[in-house]
Amino acid sequence: MKNVAISRSSRSSEPPAWLGEVYERRRHRTVRLVELSIAALLNDRKRISLAALVRASKTVDPAEPDGVSESAILHNEQALALYRQRAGRKQQRARKTPPRLRRDIGNDNFFRVSADRDRGRARQRYMRASKADLVDRLLVAEQAYADMEARWLNTADELLTWIMLTDQLFSRKLEP
């Protein structure tokens, strides 16, 4: 096992006095790079996000090619305030299923439903669907049910006709 030096200093929220000046310079550097990055993003009409600030910070000052990290912005009160002031709120948009993901449910097409399908997954899928998609699917299901009932009634009528015909044929054969 390697000999590892164990730090005996206590964990405090205050940095050591001798590092105070270094930390202050880094805080000012972070704020300056965030200001320059926000200005560059606004100039390019790009959305201001943490990831965008990190990318822009690497290009705004050739003397500082390393830029800043997301955690540096999040842990620096001034930089975080600048970011929050300019970032604005994310607007929640209503989820719309892209047209390529929608299923064609025209008059000729029916959904195939397996008897042993996972009802939980089907429920999740329905909960994600839009109201319009659910209404379309319900209309298709109702039409499919009506068609199936009509076919069943026709089959029952044909079966009854065949039963009556066979009954007449047997009754004629039995008569001498």
Protein backbone atom coordinates (compact mmCIF):
# COMPACT_ATOMS: atom_id res chain seq x y z
CA MET A 1 0.00 0.00 0.00
CA LYS A 2 1.30 3.45 -0.90
CA ASN A 3 1.98 6.04 1.72
CA VAL A 4 -0.63 8.71 1.31
CA ALA A 5 -0.45 11.99 3.13
CA ILE A 6 -3.58 12.62 5.11
CA SER A 7 -4.80 16.19 5.27
CA ARG A 8 -5.37 17.28 8.82
CA SER A 9 -6.95 20.58 7.92
CA SER A 10 -10.60 20.95 8.76
CA ARG A 11 -13.21 21.26 6.05
CA SER A 12 -14.57 24.76 6.33
CA SER A 13 -16.53 26.93 3.95
CA GLU A 14 -13.84 29.63 4.15
CA PRO A 15 -10.83 29.20 1.88
CA PRO A 16 -7.38 29.42 3.40
CA ALA A 17 -6.22 33.02 3.74
CA TRP A 18 -3.30 32.53 1.40
CA LEU A 19 -5.66 31.36 -1.43
CA GLY A 20 -8.13 34.25 -1.06
CA GLU A 21 -6.42 36.37 -3.71
CA VAL A 22 -6.26 33.48 -6.19
CA TYR A 23 -9.95 32.66 -5.70
CA GLU A 24 -10.91 36.31 -6.13
CA ARG A 25 -9.00 36.54 -9.44
CA ARG A 26 -10.73 33.37 -10.67
CA ARG A 27 -14.15 34.71 -9.66
CA HIS A 28 -13.53 37.91 -11.61
CA ARG A 29 -12.24 35.91 -14.59
CA THR A 30 -15.39 33.78 -14.58
CA VAL A 31 -17.68 36.83 -14.41
CA ARG A 32 -15.75 38.57 -17.21
CA LEU A 33 -15.90 35.51 -19.49
CA VAL A 34 -19.62 35.02 -18.78
CA GLU A 35 -20.29 38.69 -19.65
CA LEU A 36 -18.32 38.39 -22.89
CA SER A 37 -20.02 35.07 -23.76
CA ILE A 38 -23.50 36.49 -23.16
CA ALA A 39 -22.68 39.47 -25.37
CA ALA A 40 -21.38 37.17 -28.11
CA LEU A 41 -24.47 34.93 -27.94
CA LEU A 42 -26.80 37.93 -28.01
CA ASN A 43 -24.87 39.34 -30.97
CA ASP A 44 -25.28 36.02 -32.83
CA ARG A 45 -28.95 35.82 -31.73
CA LYS A 46 -28.40 32.46 -30.12
CA ARG A 47 -30.20 31.07 -27.09
CA ILE A 48 -28.41 31.59 -23.81
CA SER A 49 -27.92 28.35 -21.91
CA LEU A 50 -25.19 27.00 -19.68
CA ALA A 51 -23.85 24.78 -22.46
CA ALA A 52 -23.87 27.69 -24.92
CA LEU A 53 -22.01 29.89 -22.41
CA VAL A 54 -19.37 27.22 -21.88
CA ARG A 55 -18.85 26.87 -25.65
CA ALA A 56 -18.77 30.62 -26.24
CA SER A 57 -16.40 31.27 -23.32
CA LYS A 58 -13.72 29.25 -25.10
CA THR A 59 -13.79 31.55 -28.12
CA VAL A 60 -14.48 35.07 -26.78
CA ASP A 61 -11.03 35.74 -25.32
CA PRO A 62 -7.96 34.34 -27.08
CA ALA A 63 -5.96 34.88 -23.86
CA GLU A 64 -8.34 32.48 -22.05
CA PRO A 65 -8.78 29.51 -24.46
CA ASP A 66 -9.96 27.20 -21.66
CA GLY A 67 -13.10 29.22 -21.01
CA VAL A 68 -15.28 28.43 -18.00
CA SER A 69 -17.16 25.33 -16.94
CA GLU A 70 -20.82 24.97 -16.03
CA SER A 71 -19.91 24.33 -12.40
CA ALA A 72 -17.80 27.53 -12.33
CA ILE A 73 -20.85 29.50 -13.46
CA LEU A 74 -23.16 27.72 -11.03
CA HIS A 75 -20.84 28.26 -8.05
CA ASN A 76 -20.05 31.91 -8.79
CA GLU A 77 -22.89 34.09 -7.49
CA GLN A 78 -22.26 37.00 -9.88
CA ALA A 79 -21.88 34.77 -12.95
CA LEU A 80 -25.00 32.82 -12.03
CA ALA A 81 -26.96 36.06 -11.58
CA LEU A 82 -25.83 37.25 -15.03
CA TYR A 83 -26.83 33.93 -16.57
CA ARG A 84 -30.25 33.87 -14.90
CA GLN A 85 -30.90 37.49 -15.84
CA ARG A 86 -30.29 36.84 -19.52
CA ALA A 87 -31.37 33.23 -19.89
CA GLY A 88 -35.04 33.87 -19.30
CA ARG A 89 -37.49 31.14 -18.57
CA LYS A 90 -37.80 28.05 -20.69
CA GLN A 91 -41.14 28.10 -22.39
CA GLN A 92 -43.01 24.85 -22.05
CA ARG A 93 -44.50 23.99 -25.39
CA ALA A 94 -47.38 21.64 -25.83
CA ARG A 95 -46.06 18.30 -26.99
CA LYS A 96 -47.03 17.56 -30.53
CA THR A 97 -46.26 14.26 -32.12
CA PRO A 98 -44.19 14.88 -35.22
CA PRO A 99 -46.09 13.99 -38.41
CA ARG A 100 -43.63 11.21 -39.18
CA LEU A 101 -44.53 9.45 -35.92
CA ARG A 102 -48.28 9.63 -36.44
CA ARG A 103 -49.94 6.55 -37.78
CA ASP A 104 -52.14 6.66 -40.83
CA ILE A 105 -55.59 5.72 -39.63
CA GLY A 106 -57.52 6.25 -42.82
CA ASN A 107 -60.66 4.29 -43.70
CA ASP A 108 -58.70 1.40 -45.20
CA ASN A 109 -56.22 0.99 -42.35
CA PHE A 110 -56.99 -0.59 -38.98
CA PHE A 111 -54.85 -0.87 -35.91
CA ARG A 112 -53.69 -4.35 -35.08
CA VAL A 113 -54.17 -5.11 -31.41
CA SER A 114 -52.70 -8.24 -29.90
CA ALA A 115 -54.73 -10.04 -27.24
CA ASP A 116 -51.64 -10.52 -25.08
CA ARG A 117 -50.34 -6.95 -25.36
CA ASP A 118 -48.81 -5.15 -22.41
CA ARG A 119 -51.67 -3.02 -21.10
CA GLY A 120 -49.32 -0.83 -19.05
CA ARG A 121 -47.31 0.19 -22.09
CA ALA A 122 -50.47 0.74 -24.09
CA ARG A 123 -51.77 3.01 -21.33
CA GLN A 124 -48.53 5.00 -21.32
CA ARG A 125 -48.73 5.37 -25.07
CA TYR A 126 -52.32 6.64 -24.85
CA MET A 127 -51.40 9.09 -22.08
CA ARG A 128 -48.72 10.62 -24.33
CA ALA A 129 -51.05 10.91 -27.31
CA SER A 130 -52.80 14.14 -28.14
CA LYS A 131 -56.54 14.50 -27.76
CA ALA A 132 -56.98 14.68 -31.54
CA ASP A 133 -55.02 11.44 -32.03
CA LEU A 134 -57.09 9.70 -29.34
CA VAL A 135 -60.35 10.87 -30.96
CA ASP A 136 -59.16 9.62 -34.36
CA ARG A 137 -58.20 6.29 -32.87
CA LEU A 138 -61.54 5.98 -31.07
CA LEU A 139 -63.42 6.68 -34.30
CA VAL A 140 -61.42 4.02 -36.11
CA ALA A 141 -62.07 1.55 -33.26
CA GLU A 142 -65.80 2.29 -33.33
CA GLN A 143 -65.90 1.82 -37.10
CA ALA A 144 -63.95 -1.44 -36.83
CA TYR A 145 -66.38 -2.65 -34.15
CA ALA A 146 -69.38 -1.74 -36.33
CA ASP A 147 -67.83 -3.55 -39.33
CA MET A 148 -67.08 -6.62 -37.20
CA GLU A 149 -70.64 -6.70 -35.85
CA ALA A 150 -72.04 -6.41 -39.39
CA ARG A 151 -69.79 -9.29 -40.55
CA TRP A 152 -70.84 -11.36 -37.54
CA LEU A 153 -74.54 -10.77 -38.30
CA ASN A 154 -74.03 -11.67 -41.98
CA THR A 155 -72.18 -14.84 -40.97
CA ALA A 156 -74.96 -15.72 -38.53
CA ASP A 157 -77.58 -15.17 -41.28
CA GLU A 158 -75.63 -17.33 -43.72
CA LEU A 159 -75.21 -20.04 -41.09
CA LEU A 160 -78.92 -20.00 -40.34
CA THR A 161 -79.66 -20.25 -44.08
CA TRP A 162 -77.33 -23.25 -44.41
CA ILE A 163 -78.86 -24.92 -41.35
CA MET A 164 -82.33 -24.48 -42.81
CA LEU A 165 -81.20 -25.84 -46.21
CA THR A 166 -79.53 -28.89 -44.68
CA ASP A 167 -82.58 -29.47 -42.51
CA GLN A 168 -84.80 -29.42 -45.62
CA LEU A 169 -82.44 -31.77 -47.45
CA PHE A 170 -82.36 -34.26 -44.57
CA SER A 171 -86.10 -34.11 -44.15
CA ARG A 172 -86.58 -34.90 -47.90
CA LYS A 173 -84.17 -37.84 -47.73
CA LEU A 174 -86.01 -39.30 -44.79
CA GLU A 175 -89.39 -39.18 -46.58
CA PRO A 176 -89.91 -42.29 -48.74
